[in-house]
Amino acid sequence: MSHKHLHLLQTIFHDPISANIHWREVESLLNHLGATVEASHGARFRIVLNRQEFFLHHPHNSTTCAKQDIKHLRECLARAGVTLSAYEDSRQ
């Protein structure tokens, strides 16, 4: 995993939740993790990662994701088995 993707994953799982995470970075991370990202209805995107399906909303009037969207992303990644510790351990 690249340093950039690892840093983004750390930011997603860090408390308090950051309000400065860009959608294009999230999409790039998901693609790197092997997820399928498909446009769905409106601003919704269907994500399939490790046989887990979830939906994310593209920000409407901004390029940055809302805190509640990052919280939802964090929960979805955890359900799909993506943990920060697994990727930090592989870098050492």
Protein backbone atom coordinates (compact mmCIF):
# COMPACT_ATOMS: atom_id res chain seq x y z
CA MET A 1 0.00 0.00 0.00
CA SER A 2 1.35 3.42 -0.90
CA HIS A 3 2.15 5.95 1.78
CA LYS A 4 -0.66 8.17 0.47
CA HIS A 5 -3.29 5.44 0.78
CA LEU A 6 -2.02 4.41 4.22
CA HIS A 7 -2.18 8.03 5.41
CA LEU A 8 -5.76 8.32 4.11
CA LEU A 9 -6.74 5.10 5.89
CA GLN A 10 -5.21 6.47 9.11
CA THR A 11 -7.19 9.68 8.66
CA ILE A 12 -10.44 7.77 8.09
CA PHE A 13 -10.01 5.72 11.27
CA HIS A 14 -8.71 8.61 13.40
CA ASP A 15 -10.85 10.36 16.02
CA PRO A 16 -12.07 13.05 15.81
CA ILE A 17 -13.31 12.52 12.29
CA SER A 18 -11.63 14.76 9.72
CA ALA A 19 -13.67 17.16 7.63
CA ASN A 20 -10.95 17.41 5.01
CA ILE A 21 -11.16 14.11 3.11
CA HIS A 22 -11.77 14.43 -0.61
CA TRP A 23 -14.10 12.11 -2.51
CA ARG A 24 -11.53 11.41 -5.25
CA GLU A 25 -9.06 10.20 -2.58
CA VAL A 26 -11.71 7.89 -1.10
CA GLU A 27 -12.53 6.52 -4.55
CA SER A 28 -8.82 5.96 -5.27
CA LEU A 29 -8.36 4.12 -1.94
CA LEU A 30 -11.38 1.90 -2.61
CA ASN A 31 -10.07 1.02 -6.06
CA HIS A 32 -6.65 0.26 -4.57
CA LEU A 33 -8.28 -2.07 -2.03
CA GLY A 34 -9.93 -3.96 -4.90
CA ALA A 35 -13.43 -2.58 -4.52
CA THR A 36 -15.90 -2.24 -7.36
CA VAL A 37 -17.18 1.35 -7.46
CA GLU A 38 -20.27 1.89 -9.61
CA ALA A 39 -22.49 4.92 -10.00
CA SER A 40 -25.95 4.22 -8.68
CA HIS A 41 -28.99 6.50 -8.40
CA GLY A 42 -28.22 10.22 -8.14
CA ALA A 43 -25.14 10.92 -6.05
CA ARG A 44 -25.03 7.38 -4.65
CA PHE A 45 -22.24 4.96 -5.46
CA ARG A 46 -22.52 1.20 -5.02
CA ILE A 47 -19.37 -0.27 -3.51
CA VAL A 48 -18.54 -3.98 -3.33
CA LEU A 49 -15.47 -4.82 -1.25
CA ASN A 50 -14.59 -8.30 0.01
CA ARG A 51 -18.11 -9.50 -0.83
CA GLN A 52 -19.64 -6.71 1.28
CA GLU A 53 -21.96 -4.27 -0.48
CA PHE A 54 -22.56 -0.73 0.71
CA PHE A 55 -23.53 2.65 -0.69
CA LEU A 56 -21.72 5.95 -0.35
CA HIS A 57 -22.87 9.44 -1.28
CA HIS A 58 -20.74 11.71 -3.46
CA PRO A 59 -20.57 15.21 -1.92
CA HIS A 60 -23.06 17.54 -3.59
CA ASN A 61 -21.63 21.05 -3.37
CA SER A 62 -18.10 20.27 -2.33
CA THR A 63 -15.20 17.98 -3.09
CA THR A 64 -14.80 17.01 0.57
CA CYS A 65 -16.85 14.35 2.32
CA ALA A 66 -19.06 15.17 5.29
CA LYS A 67 -18.12 13.78 8.70
CA GLN A 68 -21.16 11.48 8.78
CA ASP A 69 -20.12 10.07 5.38
CA ILE A 70 -16.62 9.34 6.71
CA LYS A 71 -18.13 7.67 9.77
CA HIS A 72 -20.29 5.51 7.48
CA LEU A 73 -17.24 4.70 5.31
CA ARG A 74 -15.28 3.69 8.42
CA GLU A 75 -18.05 1.31 9.49
CA CYS A 76 -18.33 -0.18 6.00
CA LEU A 77 -14.59 -0.72 5.71
CA ALA A 78 -14.55 -2.45 9.09
CA ARG A 79 -17.41 -4.75 8.00
CA ALA A 80 -15.42 -5.59 4.86
CA GLY A 81 -12.42 -6.56 6.98
CA VAL A 82 -10.29 -3.50 6.25
CA THR A 83 -8.52 -2.53 9.45
CA LEU A 84 -5.83 0.04 10.00
CA SER A 85 -3.69 -2.36 12.00
CA ALA A 86 -3.52 -4.90 9.17
CA TYR A 87 -2.07 -2.33 6.79
CA GLU A 88 0.23 -0.67 9.32
CA ASP A 89 1.68 -4.09 10.25
CA SER A 90 2.38 -4.91 6.60
CA ARG A 91 4.44 -1.69 6.19
CA GLN A 92 6.84 -2.57 9.01
